[in-house]
């Protein structure tokens, strides 16, 4: 992990949380997978923060993000393994002029603000 993460950095971890579903339903990235990565990030001296904008059809809404984190087991995993969950809903439009189909993308601000 030290090859990718430096002490003092904030590292965004972006799972794929599609909807508010329990981990055993295997609809989204299991919280223990993210917890394992978060522990490695912490051991490298950085701060892991999980950033998500669930694909529920209602993006960038704090109540939706909170519900998905809770139902998917991320709130309890964050408490147990000491990683941060971002409930930030701000986003920025990012230009991708070299892209073929989508020339602009909406990207969550915490991802753009992270060191890695």
C-alpha atoms as a PDB file:
ATOM      1  CA  UNK A   1       0.000   0.000   0.000  1.00  0.00           C
ATOM      2  CA  UNK A   2       2.914   2.361   0.714  1.00  0.00           C
ATOM      3  CA  UNK A   3       3.647   2.461  -3.027  1.00  0.00           C
ATOM      4  CA  UNK A   4       0.276   4.146  -3.569  1.00  0.00           C
ATOM      5  CA  UNK A   5      -0.445   5.969  -0.304  1.00  0.00           C
ATOM      6  CA  UNK A   6       1.682   8.430   1.636  1.00  0.00           C
ATOM      7  CA  UNK A   7       1.342   9.372   5.324  1.00  0.00           C
ATOM      8  CA  UNK A   8      -1.045  12.244   5.920  1.00  0.00           C
ATOM      9  CA  UNK A   9      -2.998  11.810   2.689  1.00  0.00           C
ATOM     10  CA  UNK A  10      -6.787  11.492   2.440  1.00  0.00           C
ATOM     11  CA  UNK A  11      -7.581   8.498   0.274  1.00  0.00           C
ATOM     12  CA  UNK A  12     -11.015   8.150  -1.306  1.00  0.00           C
ATOM     13  CA  UNK A  13     -12.370   4.617  -1.477  1.00  0.00           C
ATOM     14  CA  UNK A  14     -15.232   4.284  -3.957  1.00  0.00           C
ATOM     15  CA  UNK A  15     -17.227   1.070  -3.648  1.00  0.00           C
ATOM     16  CA  UNK A  16     -20.089   0.269  -5.968  1.00  0.00           C
ATOM     17  CA  UNK A  17     -23.190   0.670  -3.796  1.00  0.00           C
ATOM     18  CA  UNK A  18     -26.121   0.374  -6.143  1.00  0.00           C
ATOM     19  CA  UNK A  19     -28.999   0.377  -3.688  1.00  0.00           C
ATOM     20  CA  UNK A  20     -29.826  -0.031   0.008  1.00  0.00           C
ATOM     21  CA  UNK A  21     -29.321  -3.790   0.314  1.00  0.00           C
ATOM     22  CA  UNK A  22     -27.861  -6.031   3.018  1.00  0.00           C
ATOM     23  CA  UNK A  23     -24.325  -7.313   2.334  1.00  0.00           C
ATOM     24  CA  UNK A  24     -25.460 -10.930   2.090  1.00  0.00           C
ATOM     25  CA  UNK A  25     -27.555 -10.069  -0.979  1.00  0.00           C
ATOM     26  CA  UNK A  26     -24.293  -9.488  -2.918  1.00  0.00           C
ATOM     27  CA  UNK A  27     -25.712  -6.499  -4.801  1.00  0.00           C
ATOM     28  CA  UNK A  28     -22.902  -4.145  -3.831  1.00  0.00           C
ATOM     29  CA  UNK A  29     -19.268  -4.250  -2.772  1.00  0.00           C
ATOM     30  CA  UNK A  30     -19.167  -6.024   0.593  1.00  0.00           C
ATOM     31  CA  UNK A  31     -18.235  -3.691   3.467  1.00  0.00           C
ATOM     32  CA  UNK A  32     -15.526  -6.075   4.674  1.00  0.00           C
ATOM     33  CA  UNK A  33     -13.706  -5.722   1.334  1.00  0.00           C
ATOM     34  CA  UNK A  34     -13.669  -1.952   1.778  1.00  0.00           C
ATOM     35  CA  UNK A  35     -12.753  -2.325   5.467  1.00  0.00           C
ATOM     36  CA  UNK A  36      -9.743  -4.465   4.533  1.00  0.00           C
ATOM     37  CA  UNK A  37      -8.519  -1.797   2.117  1.00  0.00           C
ATOM     38  CA  UNK A  38      -9.226   0.954   4.683  1.00  0.00           C
ATOM     39  CA  UNK A  39      -7.119  -0.856   7.293  1.00  0.00           C
ATOM     40  CA  UNK A  40      -4.219  -1.059   4.823  1.00  0.00           C
ATOM     41  CA  UNK A  41      -4.587   2.664   4.010  1.00  0.00           C
ATOM     42  CA  UNK A  42      -4.532   3.491   7.730  1.00  0.00           C
ATOM     43  CA  UNK A  43      -1.460   1.311   8.305  1.00  0.00           C
ATOM     44  CA  UNK A  44       0.285   3.323   5.563  1.00  0.00           C
ATOM     45  CA  UNK A  45      -0.424   6.471   7.609  1.00  0.00           C
ATOM     46  CA  UNK A  46      -3.244   7.895   5.499  1.00  0.00           C
ATOM     47  CA  UNK A  47      -6.919   8.559   6.199  1.00  0.00           C
ATOM     48  CA  UNK A  48      -9.415   6.404   4.279  1.00  0.00           C
ATOM     49  CA  UNK A  49     -12.764   7.949   3.404  1.00  0.00           C
ATOM     50  CA  UNK A  50     -15.528   6.061   1.619  1.00  0.00           C
ATOM     51  CA  UNK A  51     -17.226   8.218  -1.010  1.00  0.00           C
ATOM     52  CA  UNK A  52     -20.403   7.106  -2.731  1.00  0.00           C
ATOM     53  CA  UNK A  53     -23.245   8.327  -4.878  1.00  0.00           C
ATOM     54  CA  UNK A  54     -25.595   5.348  -5.062  1.00  0.00           C
ATOM     55  CA  UNK A  55     -27.220   4.428  -8.339  1.00  0.00           C
ATOM     56  CA  UNK A  56     -30.721   4.517  -6.893  1.00  0.00           C
ATOM     57  CA  UNK A  57     -32.045   6.976  -9.446  1.00  0.00           C
ATOM     58  CA  UNK A  58     -31.811   9.816  -6.900  1.00  0.00           C
ATOM     59  CA  UNK A  59     -28.163  10.797  -6.807  1.00  0.00           C
ATOM     60  CA  UNK A  60     -26.455  13.408  -4.645  1.00  0.00           C
ATOM     61  CA  UNK A  61     -29.078  13.219  -1.875  1.00  0.00           C
ATOM     62  CA  UNK A  62     -27.732  12.873   1.674  1.00  0.00           C
ATOM     63  CA  UNK A  63     -30.700  10.836   2.980  1.00  0.00           C
ATOM     64  CA  UNK A  64     -30.232   8.290   0.182  1.00  0.00           C
ATOM     65  CA  UNK A  65     -26.489   8.004   0.818  1.00  0.00           C
ATOM     66  CA  UNK A  66     -27.111   7.558   4.572  1.00  0.00           C
ATOM     67  CA  UNK A  67     -29.704   4.829   3.976  1.00  0.00           C
ATOM     68  CA  UNK A  68     -27.490   2.946   1.518  1.00  0.00           C
ATOM     69  CA  UNK A  69     -24.457   3.089   3.847  1.00  0.00           C
ATOM     70  CA  UNK A  70     -26.578   1.827   6.765  1.00  0.00           C
ATOM     71  CA  UNK A  71     -28.389  -0.973   4.911  1.00  0.00           C
ATOM     72  CA  UNK A  72     -25.219  -2.123   3.118  1.00  0.00           C
ATOM     73  CA  UNK A  73     -23.377  -2.517   6.449  1.00  0.00           C
ATOM     74  CA  UNK A  74     -20.954   0.372   5.987  1.00  0.00           C
ATOM     75  CA  UNK A  75     -21.925   2.327   9.113  1.00  0.00           C
ATOM     76  CA  UNK A  76     -21.133  -0.579  11.424  1.00  0.00           C
ATOM     77  CA  UNK A  77     -17.961  -1.475   9.474  1.00  0.00           C
ATOM     78  CA  UNK A  78     -16.748   2.146   9.666  1.00  0.00           C
ATOM     79  CA  UNK A  79     -17.234   2.171  13.435  1.00  0.00           C
ATOM     80  CA  UNK A  80     -15.541  -1.192  13.887  1.00  0.00           C
ATOM     81  CA  UNK A  81     -12.536  -0.585  11.609  1.00  0.00           C
ATOM     82  CA  UNK A  82     -12.167   3.177  12.012  1.00  0.00           C
ATOM     83  CA  UNK A  83     -12.726   4.579   8.552  1.00  0.00           C
ATOM     84  CA  UNK A  84     -14.677   7.641   7.530  1.00  0.00           C
ATOM     85  CA  UNK A  85     -17.893   7.723   5.507  1.00  0.00           C
ATOM     86  CA  UNK A  86     -18.522  10.824   3.404  1.00  0.00           C
ATOM     87  CA  UNK A  87     -22.074  12.101   3.358  1.00  0.00           C
ATOM     88  CA  UNK A  88     -21.048  15.003   1.139  1.00  0.00           C
ATOM     89  CA  UNK A  89     -23.401  15.516  -1.807  1.00  0.00           C
ATOM     90  CA  UNK A  90     -21.536  18.233  -3.693  1.00  0.00           C
ATOM     91  CA  UNK A  91     -20.300  17.415  -7.161  1.00  0.00           C
ATOM     92  CA  UNK A  92     -18.467  19.088  -9.982  1.00  0.00           C
ATOM     93  CA  UNK A  93     -18.753  18.793 -13.708  1.00  0.00           C
ATOM     94  CA  UNK A  94     -15.418  17.622 -15.124  1.00  0.00           C
ATOM     95  CA  UNK A  95     -14.471  17.999 -18.769  1.00  0.00           C
ATOM     96  CA  UNK A  96     -13.361  14.899 -20.704  1.00  0.00           C
ATOM     97  CA  UNK A  97     -12.711  16.280 -24.214  1.00  0.00           C
ATOM     98  CA  UNK A  98     -10.889  13.127 -25.354  1.00  0.00           C
ATOM     99  CA  UNK A  99     -13.909  10.939 -24.591  1.00  0.00           C
ATOM    100  CA  UNK A 100     -15.942   9.502 -27.450  1.00  0.00           C
ATOM    101  CA  UNK A 101     -19.471   9.715 -26.028  1.00  0.00           C
ATOM    102  CA  UNK A 102     -19.490  11.693 -22.785  1.00  0.00           C
ATOM    103  CA  UNK A 103     -17.523  14.937 -22.892  1.00  0.00           C
ATOM    104  CA  UNK A 104     -18.463  15.995 -19.343  1.00  0.00           C
ATOM    105  CA  UNK A 105     -18.840  13.903 -16.186  1.00  0.00           C
ATOM    106  CA  UNK A 106     -20.371  14.602 -12.788  1.00  0.00           C
ATOM    107  CA  UNK A 107     -17.800  13.677 -10.121  1.00  0.00           C
ATOM    108  CA  UNK A 108     -18.376  13.794  -6.371  1.00  0.00           C
ATOM    109  CA  UNK A 109     -16.364  16.660  -4.851  1.00  0.00           C
ATOM    110  CA  UNK A 110     -14.769  14.505  -2.106  1.00  0.00           C
ATOM    111  CA  UNK A 111     -13.153  12.375  -4.825  1.00  0.00           C
ATOM    112  CA  UNK A 112     -11.713  15.448  -6.508  1.00  0.00           C
ATOM    113  CA  UNK A 113     -10.511  16.816  -3.141  1.00  0.00           C
ATOM    114  CA  UNK A 114      -8.808  13.575  -2.051  1.00  0.00           C
ATOM    115  CA  UNK A 115      -5.076  13.084  -2.385  1.00  0.00           C
ATOM    116  CA  UNK A 116      -5.559   9.677  -3.909  1.00  0.00           C
END
